[in-house]
N, C-alpha and C. Protein backbone atom coordinates (compact mmCIF):
# COMPACT_ATOMS: atom_id res chain seq x y z
N MET A 1 280.46 -20.19 4.01
CA MET A 1 279.84 -19.21 4.88
C MET A 1 280.30 -17.82 4.50
N SER A 2 279.38 -16.94 4.35
CA SER A 2 279.76 -15.56 4.02
C SER A 2 279.69 -14.71 5.27
N MET A 3 280.56 -13.74 5.30
CA MET A 3 280.59 -12.83 6.45
C MET A 3 279.67 -11.66 6.17
N THR A 4 278.82 -11.39 7.07
CA THR A 4 277.95 -10.22 6.94
C THR A 4 278.49 -9.11 7.80
N SER A 5 277.95 -7.93 7.60
CA SER A 5 278.44 -6.78 8.37
C SER A 5 278.14 -6.91 9.86
N THR A 6 277.14 -7.71 10.21
CA THR A 6 276.83 -7.88 11.63
C THR A 6 277.85 -8.77 12.32
N ASN A 7 278.52 -9.62 11.55
CA ASN A 7 279.52 -10.50 12.13
C ASN A 7 280.86 -9.81 12.34
N LEU A 8 281.10 -8.73 11.64
CA LEU A 8 282.36 -8.02 11.77
C LEU A 8 282.36 -7.19 13.04
N GLN A 9 283.43 -7.28 13.75
CA GLN A 9 283.54 -6.47 14.95
C GLN A 9 284.22 -5.16 14.60
N GLN A 10 283.71 -4.10 15.17
CA GLN A 10 284.33 -2.81 14.93
C GLN A 10 285.57 -2.71 15.81
N PRO A 11 286.62 -2.05 15.30
CA PRO A 11 287.82 -1.92 16.12
C PRO A 11 287.53 -1.10 17.37
N ALA A 12 288.18 -1.47 18.44
CA ALA A 12 287.97 -0.76 19.72
C ALA A 12 288.54 0.65 19.61
N ARG A 13 287.75 1.61 20.02
CA ARG A 13 288.21 3.00 20.03
C ARG A 13 289.05 3.25 21.27
N PRO A 14 290.09 4.02 21.13
CA PRO A 14 290.88 4.33 22.33
C PRO A 14 290.05 5.13 23.31
N SER A 15 290.17 4.80 24.58
CA SER A 15 289.38 5.52 25.58
C SER A 15 290.01 6.87 25.87
N VAL A 16 289.17 7.84 26.10
CA VAL A 16 289.62 9.18 26.46
C VAL A 16 289.56 9.28 27.97
N ARG A 17 290.54 9.88 28.55
CA ARG A 17 290.57 10.03 30.00
C ARG A 17 289.34 10.76 30.47
N LYS A 18 289.04 10.64 31.74
CA LYS A 18 287.82 11.24 32.29
C LYS A 18 287.82 12.76 32.16
N ASP A 19 289.00 13.39 32.07
CA ASP A 19 289.07 14.84 31.93
C ASP A 19 288.78 15.29 30.52
N GLY A 20 288.79 14.39 29.57
CA GLY A 20 288.49 14.74 28.19
C GLY A 20 289.74 14.93 27.36
N LEU A 21 289.51 15.05 26.08
CA LEU A 21 290.61 15.15 25.13
C LEU A 21 291.40 16.44 25.29
N ILE A 22 290.73 17.55 25.58
CA ILE A 22 291.43 18.83 25.73
C ILE A 22 292.38 18.79 26.91
N SER A 23 291.99 18.11 27.97
CA SER A 23 292.86 17.99 29.13
C SER A 23 294.06 17.11 28.83
N LEU A 24 293.83 16.03 28.08
CA LEU A 24 294.94 15.16 27.68
C LEU A 24 295.93 15.94 26.83
N TRP A 25 295.42 16.76 25.91
CA TRP A 25 296.29 17.59 25.07
C TRP A 25 297.11 18.54 25.93
N GLY A 26 296.50 19.13 26.93
CA GLY A 26 297.22 20.05 27.81
C GLY A 26 298.33 19.35 28.57
N ARG A 27 298.06 18.15 29.06
CA ARG A 27 299.09 17.41 29.78
C ARG A 27 300.25 17.04 28.88
N LEU A 28 299.93 16.71 27.63
CA LEU A 28 301.00 16.35 26.69
C LEU A 28 301.82 17.56 26.27
N ARG A 29 301.15 18.67 26.07
CA ARG A 29 301.85 19.87 25.59
C ARG A 29 302.72 20.49 26.68
N TYR A 30 302.22 20.49 27.89
CA TYR A 30 302.92 21.14 29.00
C TYR A 30 303.45 20.07 29.95
N ARG A 31 304.54 19.46 29.58
CA ARG A 31 305.10 18.36 30.38
C ARG A 31 305.98 18.85 31.52
N GLN A 32 306.37 20.10 31.49
CA GLN A 32 307.23 20.61 32.56
C GLN A 32 306.41 20.70 33.85
N PRO A 33 307.07 20.46 34.99
CA PRO A 33 306.35 20.56 36.27
C PRO A 33 305.76 21.95 36.45
N GLY A 34 304.52 22.00 36.79
CA GLY A 34 303.85 23.27 37.02
C GLY A 34 303.29 23.92 35.78
N ALA A 35 303.77 23.56 34.60
CA ALA A 35 303.29 24.19 33.36
C ALA A 35 301.85 23.79 33.09
N TYR A 36 301.52 22.53 33.34
CA TYR A 36 300.14 22.08 33.12
C TYR A 36 299.19 22.78 34.09
N GLU A 37 299.60 22.90 35.34
CA GLU A 37 298.77 23.58 36.34
C GLU A 37 298.57 25.04 35.96
N ALA A 38 299.61 25.70 35.46
CA ALA A 38 299.50 27.09 35.02
C ALA A 38 298.56 27.20 33.82
N TRP A 39 298.64 26.23 32.92
CA TRP A 39 297.75 26.23 31.75
C TRP A 39 296.30 26.04 32.19
N LEU A 40 296.07 25.12 33.14
CA LEU A 40 294.72 24.92 33.66
C LEU A 40 294.18 26.18 34.32
N HIS A 41 295.03 26.84 35.09
CA HIS A 41 294.61 28.08 35.77
C HIS A 41 294.21 29.14 34.74
N GLU A 42 295.04 29.32 33.72
CA GLU A 42 294.73 30.31 32.69
C GLU A 42 293.45 29.95 31.94
N ARG A 43 293.29 28.68 31.62
CA ARG A 43 292.09 28.22 30.92
C ARG A 43 290.84 28.44 31.77
N ASP A 44 290.92 28.10 33.05
CA ASP A 44 289.78 28.28 33.95
C ASP A 44 289.41 29.75 34.10
N MET A 45 290.42 30.62 34.25
CA MET A 45 290.14 32.05 34.38
C MET A 45 289.47 32.59 33.11
N THR A 46 289.89 32.10 31.96
CA THR A 46 289.29 32.53 30.70
C THR A 46 287.83 32.08 30.62
N ILE A 47 287.57 30.84 31.00
CA ILE A 47 286.20 30.31 30.96
C ILE A 47 285.31 31.04 31.95
N ILE A 48 285.81 31.29 33.14
CA ILE A 48 285.03 32.01 34.15
C ILE A 48 284.72 33.42 33.67
N THR A 49 285.72 34.10 33.12
CA THR A 49 285.51 35.46 32.61
C THR A 49 284.50 35.46 31.48
N ALA A 50 284.61 34.51 30.56
CA ALA A 50 283.67 34.44 29.43
C ALA A 50 282.25 34.18 29.92
N THR A 51 282.11 33.35 30.93
CA THR A 51 280.79 33.07 31.49
C THR A 51 280.20 34.31 32.14
N LEU A 52 281.01 35.04 32.90
CA LEU A 52 280.53 36.25 33.55
C LEU A 52 280.22 37.36 32.54
N MET A 53 280.89 37.34 31.39
CA MET A 53 280.63 38.35 30.36
C MET A 53 279.21 38.27 29.83
N ARG A 54 278.58 37.11 29.98
CA ARG A 54 277.20 36.93 29.52
C ARG A 54 276.20 37.70 30.39
N LEU A 55 276.61 38.04 31.60
CA LEU A 55 275.71 38.77 32.50
C LEU A 55 275.61 40.23 32.08
N THR A 56 274.52 40.84 32.46
CA THR A 56 274.36 42.27 32.19
C THR A 56 275.18 43.06 33.20
N GLU A 57 275.37 44.32 32.90
CA GLU A 57 276.13 45.19 33.82
C GLU A 57 275.45 45.26 35.18
N ARG A 58 274.12 45.32 35.19
CA ARG A 58 273.37 45.36 36.45
C ARG A 58 273.62 44.10 37.26
N GLN A 59 273.61 42.93 36.61
CA GLN A 59 273.86 41.68 37.33
C GLN A 59 275.27 41.63 37.87
N LEU A 60 276.22 42.09 37.07
CA LEU A 60 277.61 42.12 37.55
C LEU A 60 277.78 43.08 38.71
N ASN A 61 277.08 44.21 38.66
CA ASN A 61 277.17 45.19 39.75
C ASN A 61 276.67 44.60 41.07
N ARG A 62 275.70 43.71 41.01
CA ARG A 62 275.21 43.06 42.23
C ARG A 62 276.30 42.21 42.87
N LEU A 63 277.23 41.74 42.06
CA LEU A 63 278.35 40.95 42.56
C LEU A 63 279.57 41.80 42.88
N GLY A 64 279.46 43.10 42.62
CA GLY A 64 280.58 43.99 42.84
C GLY A 64 281.58 43.97 41.70
N LEU A 65 281.12 43.59 40.52
CA LEU A 65 281.99 43.48 39.34
C LEU A 65 281.51 44.44 38.26
N SER A 66 282.31 44.59 37.22
CA SER A 66 281.97 45.44 36.09
C SER A 66 282.56 44.84 34.82
N HIS A 67 281.89 45.05 33.69
CA HIS A 67 282.43 44.57 32.42
C HIS A 67 283.79 45.21 32.11
N LYS A 68 283.97 46.45 32.53
CA LYS A 68 285.20 47.18 32.22
C LYS A 68 286.43 46.53 32.84
N THR A 69 286.28 45.97 34.02
CA THR A 69 287.43 45.42 34.75
C THR A 69 287.24 43.94 35.07
N LEU A 70 286.44 43.26 34.30
CA LEU A 70 286.06 41.89 34.65
C LEU A 70 287.25 40.93 34.72
N ALA A 71 288.15 40.99 33.77
CA ALA A 71 289.30 40.08 33.79
C ALA A 71 290.14 40.30 35.06
N LEU A 72 290.35 41.57 35.41
CA LEU A 72 291.10 41.87 36.64
C LEU A 72 290.34 41.43 37.88
N ASP A 73 289.02 41.62 37.85
CA ASP A 73 288.19 41.22 39.00
C ASP A 73 288.23 39.71 39.21
N VAL A 74 288.19 38.95 38.14
CA VAL A 74 288.23 37.49 38.26
C VAL A 74 289.58 37.04 38.83
N GLU A 75 290.66 37.63 38.35
CA GLU A 75 291.98 37.31 38.89
C GLU A 75 292.05 37.68 40.38
N ASP A 76 291.48 38.84 40.75
CA ASP A 76 291.46 39.26 42.14
C ASP A 76 290.67 38.28 43.00
N LEU A 77 289.53 37.80 42.49
CA LEU A 77 288.74 36.82 43.23
C LEU A 77 289.52 35.52 43.43
N ALA A 78 290.24 35.09 42.41
CA ALA A 78 291.03 33.86 42.52
C ALA A 78 292.15 34.03 43.54
N LEU A 79 292.83 35.18 43.51
CA LEU A 79 293.90 35.44 44.48
C LEU A 79 293.35 35.51 45.90
N ARG A 80 292.20 36.15 46.04
CA ARG A 80 291.57 36.25 47.37
C ARG A 80 291.18 34.87 47.89
N ALA A 81 290.65 34.01 47.02
CA ALA A 81 290.27 32.66 47.43
C ALA A 81 291.51 31.87 47.86
N GLU A 82 292.60 32.01 47.11
CA GLU A 82 293.84 31.32 47.47
C GLU A 82 294.39 31.83 48.80
N ARG A 83 294.33 33.15 49.01
CA ARG A 83 294.79 33.73 50.29
C ARG A 83 293.95 33.21 51.44
N ASP A 84 292.63 33.17 51.26
CA ASP A 84 291.74 32.67 52.32
C ASP A 84 292.03 31.20 52.63
N ALA A 85 292.28 30.41 51.58
CA ALA A 85 292.60 29.00 51.79
C ALA A 85 293.91 28.85 52.54
N GLN A 86 294.89 29.67 52.22
CA GLN A 86 296.19 29.63 52.90
C GLN A 86 296.03 30.00 54.38
N ILE A 87 295.25 31.02 54.66
CA ILE A 87 295.00 31.42 56.05
C ILE A 87 294.31 30.29 56.80
N GLY A 88 293.35 29.65 56.16
CA GLY A 88 292.66 28.52 56.78
C GLY A 88 293.61 27.38 57.10
N ARG A 89 294.52 27.08 56.17
CA ARG A 89 295.50 26.02 56.42
C ARG A 89 296.41 26.39 57.59
N GLU A 90 296.83 27.65 57.67
CA GLU A 90 297.70 28.09 58.76
C GLU A 90 296.98 28.03 60.10
N VAL A 91 295.72 28.41 60.13
CA VAL A 91 294.95 28.35 61.38
C VAL A 91 294.81 26.90 61.83
N LEU A 92 294.49 26.00 60.90
CA LEU A 92 294.37 24.59 61.26
C LEU A 92 295.70 24.03 61.77
N GLU A 93 296.79 24.47 61.18
CA GLU A 93 298.11 24.03 61.64
C GLU A 93 298.36 24.51 63.07
N LEU A 94 297.97 25.75 63.37
CA LEU A 94 298.16 26.27 64.73
C LEU A 94 297.29 25.52 65.74
N VAL A 95 296.07 25.21 65.35
CA VAL A 95 295.15 24.53 66.26
C VAL A 95 295.58 23.09 66.50
N ARG A 96 296.15 22.44 65.51
CA ARG A 96 296.59 21.05 65.66
C ARG A 96 297.79 20.93 66.58
N ASP A 97 298.58 21.98 66.71
CA ASP A 97 299.76 21.95 67.57
C ASP A 97 299.29 21.89 69.03
N ASP A 98 299.92 21.03 69.82
CA ASP A 98 299.47 20.80 71.20
C ASP A 98 300.07 21.75 72.21
N THR A 99 301.02 22.59 71.85
CA THR A 99 301.62 23.49 72.82
C THR A 99 300.65 24.60 73.20
N PRO A 100 300.57 24.96 74.48
CA PRO A 100 299.61 25.98 74.93
C PRO A 100 299.87 27.36 74.30
N GLU A 101 301.13 27.66 74.02
CA GLU A 101 301.43 28.97 73.41
C GLU A 101 300.77 29.10 72.05
N ARG A 102 300.76 28.05 71.29
CA ARG A 102 300.15 28.09 69.97
C ARG A 102 298.65 28.31 70.04
N HIS A 103 298.00 27.74 71.05
CA HIS A 103 296.56 27.93 71.20
C HIS A 103 296.23 29.38 71.55
N ALA A 104 297.09 30.00 72.33
CA ALA A 104 296.88 31.40 72.68
C ALA A 104 297.02 32.28 71.44
N ILE A 105 297.99 31.96 70.59
CA ILE A 105 298.18 32.72 69.35
C ILE A 105 296.97 32.52 68.43
N ALA A 106 296.50 31.31 68.32
CA ALA A 106 295.35 31.01 67.45
C ALA A 106 294.08 31.69 67.94
N ALA A 107 293.94 31.84 69.26
CA ALA A 107 292.75 32.46 69.81
C ALA A 107 292.71 33.96 69.51
N GLU A 108 293.89 34.55 69.37
CA GLU A 108 293.93 35.98 69.08
C GLU A 108 293.41 36.22 67.71
């Protein structure tokens, strides 16, 4: 019996995690706690800035942005979003507390 190419099984390829190869590389390179998260943040800010750079100045102006300060504007938007999320978490924490004094503070 001769073996044909259809009878040969191809070796199994290693599976890539759902985040992709670039994400796996980032996790391996930045093994220190927080370093991977910082790398992801920097990568995301770069991708967001590059995407916004494709817009015209008029389109950016409609969003309150400008090509001249786009990198700073994107960082400012990210900081503002994080601040808003933190405020939301604090408000929910105040509302979850059952003491009447906390509800009065939350209502203000």
